[in-house]
Amino acid sequence: LATELFEDDDTLFGLADLGFGCPELGTF
């Protein structure tokens, strides 16, 4: 789930869940 796109037009901020049971806030 993304809420922001940084100036580089590639880095997103939001909630990432890779399916391991520990969703994390951060960049992707």
PDB file of all heavy atoms in Angstrom:
ATOM      1  N   LEU A   1       0.875  -1.175   0.000  1.00  0.00           N
ATOM      2  CA  LEU A   1       0.000   0.000   0.000  1.00  0.00           C
ATOM      3  C   LEU A   1       0.910   1.222   0.000  1.00  0.00           C
ATOM      4  O   LEU A   1       1.748   1.363   0.898  1.00  0.00           O
ATOM      5  CB  LEU A   1      -0.895   0.040   1.235  1.00  0.00           C
ATOM      6  CG  LEU A   1      -1.865  -1.117   1.431  1.00  0.00           C
ATOM      7  CD1 LEU A   1      -2.619  -0.962   2.750  1.00  0.00           C
ATOM      8  CD2 LEU A   1      -2.839  -1.205   0.267  1.00  0.00           C
ATOM      9  N   ALA A   2       0.761   2.091  -0.973  1.00  0.00           N
ATOM     10  CA  ALA A   2       1.643   3.258  -1.074  1.00  0.00           C
ATOM     11  C   ALA A   2       0.871   4.548  -0.834  1.00  0.00           C
ATOM     12  O   ALA A   2      -0.258   4.708  -1.305  1.00  0.00           O
ATOM     13  CB  ALA A   2       2.310   3.293  -2.450  1.00  0.00           C
ATOM     14  N   THR A   3       1.526   5.452  -0.099  1.00  0.00           N
ATOM     15  CA  THR A   3       0.935   6.767   0.169  1.00  0.00           C
ATOM     16  C   THR A   3       1.731   7.896  -0.468  1.00  0.00           C
ATOM     17  O   THR A   3       1.188   8.980  -0.667  1.00  0.00           O
ATOM     18  CB  THR A   3       0.850   7.048   1.681  1.00  0.00           C
ATOM     19  OG1 THR A   3       2.157   6.952   2.246  1.00  0.00           O
ATOM     20  CG2 THR A   3      -0.102   6.090   2.372  1.00  0.00           C
ATOM     21  N   GLU A   4       3.022   7.666  -0.765  1.00  0.00           N
ATOM     22  CA  GLU A   4       3.875   8.736  -1.274  1.00  0.00           C
ATOM     23  C   GLU A   4       4.821   8.222  -2.351  1.00  0.00           C
ATOM     24  O   GLU A   4       5.223   7.062  -2.321  1.00  0.00           O
ATOM     25  CB  GLU A   4       4.738   9.316  -0.145  1.00  0.00           C
ATOM     26  CG  GLU A   4       3.953   9.936   0.977  1.00  0.00           C
ATOM     27  CD  GLU A   4       4.826  10.339   2.147  1.00  0.00           C
ATOM     28  OE1 GLU A   4       5.975  10.782   1.917  1.00  0.00           O
ATOM     29  OE2 GLU A   4       4.370  10.198   3.287  1.00  0.00           O
ATOM     30  N   LEU A   5       5.183   9.103  -3.267  1.00  0.00           N
ATOM     31  CA  LEU A   5       6.209   8.854  -4.273  1.00  0.00           C
ATOM     32  C   LEU A   5       7.239   9.959  -4.137  1.00  0.00           C
ATOM     33  O   LEU A   5       6.908  11.141  -4.262  1.00  0.00           O
ATOM     34  CB  LEU A   5       5.603   8.841  -5.677  1.00  0.00           C
ATOM     35  CG  LEU A   5       6.579   8.669  -6.842  1.00  0.00           C
ATOM     36  CD1 LEU A   5       7.264   7.302  -6.795  1.00  0.00           C
ATOM     37  CD2 LEU A   5       5.846   8.847  -8.169  1.00  0.00           C
ATOM     38  N   PHE A   6       8.483   9.582  -3.867  1.00  0.00           N
ATOM     39  CA  PHE A   6       9.539  10.564  -3.656  1.00  0.00           C
ATOM     40  C   PHE A   6       9.947  11.224  -4.976  1.00  0.00           C
ATOM     41  O   PHE A   6       9.574  10.785  -6.059  1.00  0.00           O
ATOM     42  CB  PHE A   6      10.747   9.910  -2.998  1.00  0.00           C
ATOM     43  CG  PHE A   6      10.504   9.445  -1.572  1.00  0.00           C
ATOM     44  CD1 PHE A   6       9.277   9.573  -0.937  1.00  0.00           C
ATOM     45  CD2 PHE A   6      11.520   8.844  -0.867  1.00  0.00           C
ATOM     46  CE1 PHE A   6       9.068   9.134   0.364  1.00  0.00           C
ATOM     47  CE2 PHE A   6      11.331   8.400   0.432  1.00  0.00           C
ATOM     48  CZ  PHE A   6      10.117   8.551   1.043  1.00  0.00           C
ATOM     49  N   GLU A   7      10.763  12.258  -4.861  1.00  0.00           N
ATOM     50  CA  GLU A   7      11.189  13.052  -6.016  1.00  0.00           C
ATOM     51  C   GLU A   7      11.903  12.236  -7.087  1.00  0.00           C
ATOM     52  O   GLU A   7      11.893  12.617  -8.257  1.00  0.00           O
ATOM     53  CB  GLU A   7      12.115  14.187  -5.565  1.00  0.00           C
ATOM     54  CG  GLU A   7      11.411  15.304  -4.841  1.00  0.00           C
ATOM     55  CD  GLU A   7      12.381  16.387  -4.429  1.00  0.00           C
ATOM     56  OE1 GLU A   7      13.100  16.183  -3.438  1.00  0.00           O
ATOM     57  OE2 GLU A   7      12.405  17.425  -5.112  1.00  0.00           O
ATOM     58  N   ASP A   8      12.541  11.134  -6.709  1.00  0.00           N
ATOM     59  CA  ASP A   8      13.270  10.331  -7.695  1.00  0.00           C
ATOM     60  C   ASP A   8      12.345   9.576  -8.640  1.00  0.00           C
ATOM     61  O   ASP A   8      12.796   8.920  -9.570  1.00  0.00           O
ATOM     62  CB  ASP A   8      14.237   9.361  -7.010  1.00  0.00           C
ATOM     63  CG  ASP A   8      13.549   8.299  -6.161  1.00  0.00           C
ATOM     64  OD1 ASP A   8      12.302   8.193  -6.173  1.00  0.00           O
ATOM     65  OD2 ASP A   8      14.277   7.560  -5.467  1.00  0.00           O
ATOM     66  N   ASP A   9      11.034   9.662  -8.402  1.00  0.00           N
ATOM     67  CA  ASP A   9      10.002   9.028  -9.235  1.00  0.00           C
ATOM     68  C   ASP A   9      10.088   7.501  -9.222  1.00  0.00           C
ATOM     69  O   ASP A   9       9.573   6.843 -10.111  1.00  0.00           O
ATOM     70  CB  ASP A   9      10.068   9.559 -10.663  1.00  0.00           C
ATOM     71  CG  ASP A   9       8.719   9.564 -11.342  1.00  0.00           C
ATOM     72  OD1 ASP A   9       7.706   9.819 -10.661  1.00  0.00           O
ATOM     73  OD2 ASP A   9       8.665   9.290 -12.556  1.00  0.00           O
ATOM     74  N   ASP A  10      10.760   6.950  -8.192  1.00  0.00           N
ATOM     75  CA  ASP A  10      10.873   5.498  -8.069  1.00  0.00           C
ATOM     76  C   ASP A  10      10.602   5.014  -6.648  1.00  0.00           C
ATOM     77  O   ASP A  10      10.020   3.962  -6.452  1.00  0.00           O
ATOM     78  CB  ASP A  10      12.264   5.020  -8.495  1.00  0.00           C
ATOM     79  CG  ASP A  10      12.395   3.512  -8.417  1.00  0.00           C
ATOM     80  OD1 ASP A  10      11.603   2.810  -9.096  1.00  0.00           O
ATOM     81  OD2 ASP A  10      13.272   3.017  -7.684  1.00  0.00           O
ATOM     82  N   THR A  11      11.004   5.785  -5.652  1.00  0.00           N
ATOM     83  CA  THR A  11      10.876   5.361  -4.265  1.00  0.00           C
ATOM     84  C   THR A  11       9.485   5.691  -3.740  1.00  0.00           C
ATOM     85  O   THR A  11       9.063   6.848  -3.749  1.00  0.00           O
ATOM     86  CB  THR A  11      11.937   6.036  -3.373  1.00  0.00           C
ATOM     87  OG1 THR A  11      13.228   5.779  -3.934  1.00  0.00           O
ATOM     88  CG2 THR A  11      11.876   5.512  -1.952  1.00  0.00           C
ATOM     89  N   LEU A  12       8.796   4.645  -3.292  1.00  0.00           N
ATOM     90  CA  LEU A  12       7.465   4.781  -2.714  1.00  0.00           C
ATOM     91  C   LEU A  12       7.564   4.608  -1.204  1.00  0.00           C
ATOM     92  O   LEU A  12       8.433   3.876  -0.711  1.00  0.00           O
ATOM     93  CB  LEU A  12       6.527   3.712  -3.277  1.00  0.00           C
ATOM     94  CG  LEU A  12       6.203   3.820  -4.753  1.00  0.00           C
ATOM     95  CD1 LEU A  12       5.737   2.473  -5.305  1.00  0.00           C
ATOM     96  CD2 LEU A  12       5.142   4.880  -4.985  1.00  0.00           C
ATOM     97  N   PHE A  13       6.672   5.256  -0.471  1.00  0.00           N
ATOM     98  CA  PHE A  13       6.553   5.029   0.964  1.00  0.00           C
ATOM     99  C   PHE A  13       5.182   4.437   1.226  1.00  0.00           C
ATOM    100  O   PHE A  13       4.191   4.828   0.607  1.00  0.00           O
ATOM    101  CB  PHE A  13       6.690   6.326   1.772  1.00  0.00           C
ATOM    102  CG  PHE A  13       6.539   6.086   3.245  1.00  0.00           C
ATOM    103  CD1 PHE A  13       7.598   5.609   4.000  1.00  0.00           C
ATOM    104  CD2 PHE A  13       5.318   6.279   3.868  1.00  0.00           C
ATOM    105  CE1 PHE A  13       7.442   5.345   5.362  1.00  0.00           C
ATOM    106  CE2 PHE A  13       5.159   6.019   5.225  1.00  0.00           C
ATOM    107  CZ  PHE A  13       6.231   5.553   5.972  1.00  0.00           C
ATOM    108  N   GLY A  14       5.152   3.493   2.156  1.00  0.00           N
ATOM    109  CA  GLY A  14       3.879   2.904   2.525  1.00  0.00           C
ATOM    110  C   GLY A  14       4.065   1.667   3.370  1.00  0.00           C
ATOM    111  O   GLY A  14       5.048   1.531   4.104  1.00  0.00           O
ATOM    112  N   LEU A  15       3.130   0.758   3.244  1.00  0.00           N
ATOM    113  CA  LEU A  15       3.110  -0.482   4.015  1.00  0.00           C
ATOM    114  C   LEU A  15       3.414  -1.637   3.070  1.00  0.00           C
ATOM    115  O   LEU A  15       2.739  -1.797   2.056  1.00  0.00           O
ATOM    116  CB  LEU A  15       1.737  -0.656   4.670  1.00  0.00           C
ATOM    117  CG  LEU A  15       1.542  -1.825   5.623  1.00  0.00           C
ATOM    118  CD1 LEU A  15       2.454  -1.705   6.842  1.00  0.00           C
ATOM    119  CD2 LEU A  15       0.079  -1.893   6.065  1.00  0.00           C
ATOM    120  N   ALA A  16       4.439  -2.401   3.403  1.00  0.00           N
ATOM    121  CA  ALA A  16       4.847  -3.534   2.570  1.00  0.00           C
ATOM    122  C   ALA A  16       4.628  -4.830   3.332  1.00  0.00           C
ATOM    123  O   ALA A  16       4.980  -4.940   4.500  1.00  0.00           O
ATOM    124  CB  ALA A  16       6.313  -3.402   2.186  1.00  0.00           C
ATOM    125  N   ASP A  17       4.047  -5.791   2.647  1.00  0.00           N
ATOM    126  CA  ASP A  17       3.780  -7.109   3.226  1.00  0.00           C
ATOM    127  C   ASP A  17       4.237  -8.158   2.217  1.00  0.00           C
ATOM    128  O   ASP A  17       3.584  -8.373   1.199  1.00  0.00           O
ATOM    129  CB  ASP A  17       2.286  -7.247   3.518  1.00  0.00           C
ATOM    130  CG  ASP A  17       1.888  -8.614   4.043  1.00  0.00           C
ATOM    131  OD1 ASP A  17       2.780  -9.446   4.318  1.00  0.00           O
ATOM    132  OD2 ASP A  17       0.680  -8.851   4.181  1.00  0.00           O
ATOM    133  N   LEU A  18       5.359  -8.796   2.504  1.00  0.00           N
ATOM    134  CA  LEU A  18       5.898  -9.791   1.590  1.00  0.00           C
ATOM    135  C   LEU A  18       5.364 -11.191   1.857  1.00  0.00           C
ATOM    136  O   LEU A  18       5.781 -12.152   1.229  1.00  0.00           O
ATOM    137  CB  LEU A  18       7.424  -9.777   1.627  1.00  0.00           C
ATOM    138  CG  LEU A  18       8.041  -8.434   1.223  1.00  0.00           C
ATOM    139  CD1 LEU A  18       9.563  -8.500   1.271  1.00  0.00           C
ATOM    140  CD2 LEU A  18       7.560  -7.998  -0.145  1.00  0.00           C
ATOM    141  N   GLY A  19       4.431 -11.301   2.802  1.00  0.00           N
ATOM    142  CA  GLY A  19       3.789 -12.577   3.063  1.00  0.00           C
ATOM    143  C   GLY A  19       4.438 -13.410   4.155  1.00  0.00           C
ATOM    144  O   GLY A  19       4.168 -14.601   4.266  1.00  0.00           O
ATOM    145  N   PHE A  20       5.286 -12.781   4.977  1.00  0.00           N
ATOM    146  CA  PHE A  20       5.960 -13.500   6.054  1.00  0.00           C
ATOM    147  C   PHE A  20       5.343 -13.230   7.424  1.00  0.00           C
ATOM    148  O   PHE A  20       5.914 -13.592   8.447  1.00  0.00           O
ATOM    149  CB  PHE A  20       7.451 -13.149   6.084  1.00  0.00           C
ATOM    150  CG  PHE A  20       8.153 -13.441   4.793  1.00  0.00           C
ATOM    151  CD1 PHE A  20       8.781 -12.429   4.091  1.00  0.00           C
ATOM    152  CD2 PHE A  20       8.182 -14.725   4.270  1.00  0.00           C
ATOM    153  CE1 PHE A  20       9.423 -12.691   2.895  1.00  0.00           C
ATOM    154  CE2 PHE A  20       8.822 -14.994   3.079  1.00  0.00           C
ATOM    155  CZ  PHE A  20       9.443 -13.974   2.382  1.00  0.00           C
ATOM    156  N   GLY A  21       4.196 -12.554   7.463  1.00  0.00           N
ATOM    157  CA  GLY A  21       3.507 -12.309   8.721  1.00  0.00           C
ATOM    158  C   GLY A  21       3.944 -11.074   9.472  1.00  0.00           C
ATOM    159  O   GLY A  21       3.581 -10.904  10.631  1.00  0.00           O
ATOM    160  N   CYS A  22       4.730 -10.206   8.826  1.00  0.00           N
ATOM    161  CA  CYS A  22       5.188  -8.998   9.526  1.00  0.00           C
ATOM    162  C   CYS A  22       5.197  -7.790   8.582  1.00  0.00           C
ATOM    163  O   CYS A  22       6.251  -7.357   8.139  1.00  0.00           O
ATOM    164  CB  CYS A  22       6.557  -9.215  10.158  1.00  0.00           C
ATOM    165  SG  CYS A  22       7.792  -9.851   9.018  1.00  0.00           S
ATOM    166  N   PRO A  23       4.023  -7.256   8.277  1.00  0.00           N
ATOM    167  CA  PRO A  23       3.959  -6.058   7.432  1.00  0.00           C
ATOM    168  C   PRO A  23       4.742  -4.912   8.062  1.00  0.00           C
ATOM    169  O   PRO A  23       4.734  -4.745   9.288  1.00  0.00           O
ATOM    170  CB  PRO A  23       2.460  -5.728   7.394  1.00  0.00           C
ATOM    171  CG  PRO A  23       1.775  -6.975   7.823  1.00  0.00           C
ATOM    172  CD  PRO A  23       2.712  -7.697   8.728  1.00  0.00           C
ATOM    173  N   GLU A  24       5.430  -4.131   7.216  1.00  0.00           N
ATOM    174  CA  GLU A  24       6.277  -3.055   7.726  1.00  0.00           C
ATOM    175  C   GLU A  24       6.063  -1.764   6.967  1.00  0.00           C
ATOM    176  O   GLU A  24       5.893  -1.783   5.747  1.00  0.00           O
ATOM    177  CB  GLU A  24       7.753  -3.442   7.589  1.00  0.00           C
ATOM    178  CG  GLU A  24       8.174  -4.599   8.449  1.00  0.00           C
ATOM    179  CD  GLU A  24       9.669  -4.866   8.348  1.00  0.00           C
ATOM    180  OE1 GLU A  24      10.395  -4.032   7.774  1.00  0.00           O
ATOM    181  OE2 GLU A  24      10.104  -5.907   8.844  1.00  0.00           O
ATOM    182  N   LEU A  25       6.112  -0.665   7.704  1.00  0.00           N
ATOM    183  CA  LEU A  25       6.126   0.657   7.090  1.00  0.00           C
ATOM    184  C   LEU A  25       7.535   0.937   6.588  1.00  0.00           C
ATOM    185  O   LEU A  25       8.507   0.604   7.261  1.00  0.00           O
ATOM    186  CB  LEU A  25       5.742   1.729   8.105  1.00  0.00           C
ATOM    187  CG  LEU A  25       4.286   1.762   8.535  1.00  0.00           C
ATOM    188  CD1 LEU A  25       4.107   2.711   9.709  1.00  0.00           C
ATOM    189  CD2 LEU A  25       3.394   2.166   7.379  1.00  0.00           C
ATOM    190  N   GLY A  26       7.633   1.538   5.409  1.00  0.00           N
ATOM    191  CA  GLY A  26       8.947   1.877   4.889  1.00  0.00           C
ATOM    192  C   GLY A  26       8.893   2.218   3.421  1.00  0.00           C
ATOM    193  O   GLY A  26       7.822   2.461   2.858  1.00  0.00           O
ATOM    194  N   THR A  27      10.061   2.235   2.812  1.00  0.00           N
ATOM    195  CA  THR A  27      10.165   2.571   1.397  1.00  0.00           C
ATOM    196  C   THR A  27      10.359   1.314   0.569  1.00  0.00           C
ATOM    197  O   THR A  27      10.890   0.308   1.050  1.00  0.00           O
ATOM    198  CB  THR A  27      11.328   3.543   1.144  1.00  0.00           C
ATOM    199  OG1 THR A  27      12.543   2.948   1.586  1.00  0.00           O
ATOM    200  CG2 THR A  27      11.103   4.867   1.851  1.00  0.00           C
ATOM    201  N   PHE A  28       9.923   1.393  -0.678  1.00  0.00           N
ATOM    202  CA  PHE A  28      10.122   0.310  -1.632  1.00  0.00           C
ATOM    203  C   PHE A  28      10.206   0.912  -3.022  1.00  0.00           C
ATOM    204  O   PHE A  28       9.776   2.046  -3.251  1.00  0.00           O
ATOM    205  CB  PHE A  28       9.050  -0.774  -1.523  1.00  0.00           C
ATOM    206  CG  PHE A  28       7.649  -0.285  -1.320  1.00  0.00           C
ATOM    207  CD1 PHE A  28       6.793  -0.095  -2.392  1.00  0.00           C
ATOM    208  CD2 PHE A  28       7.160  -0.027  -0.040  1.00  0.00           C
ATOM    209  CE1 PHE A  28       5.494   0.344  -2.203  1.00  0.00           C
ATOM    210  CE2 PHE A  28       5.861   0.417   0.159  1.00  0.00           C
ATOM    211  CZ  PHE A  28       5.026   0.600  -0.925  1.00  0.00           C
TER     212      PHE A  28
END
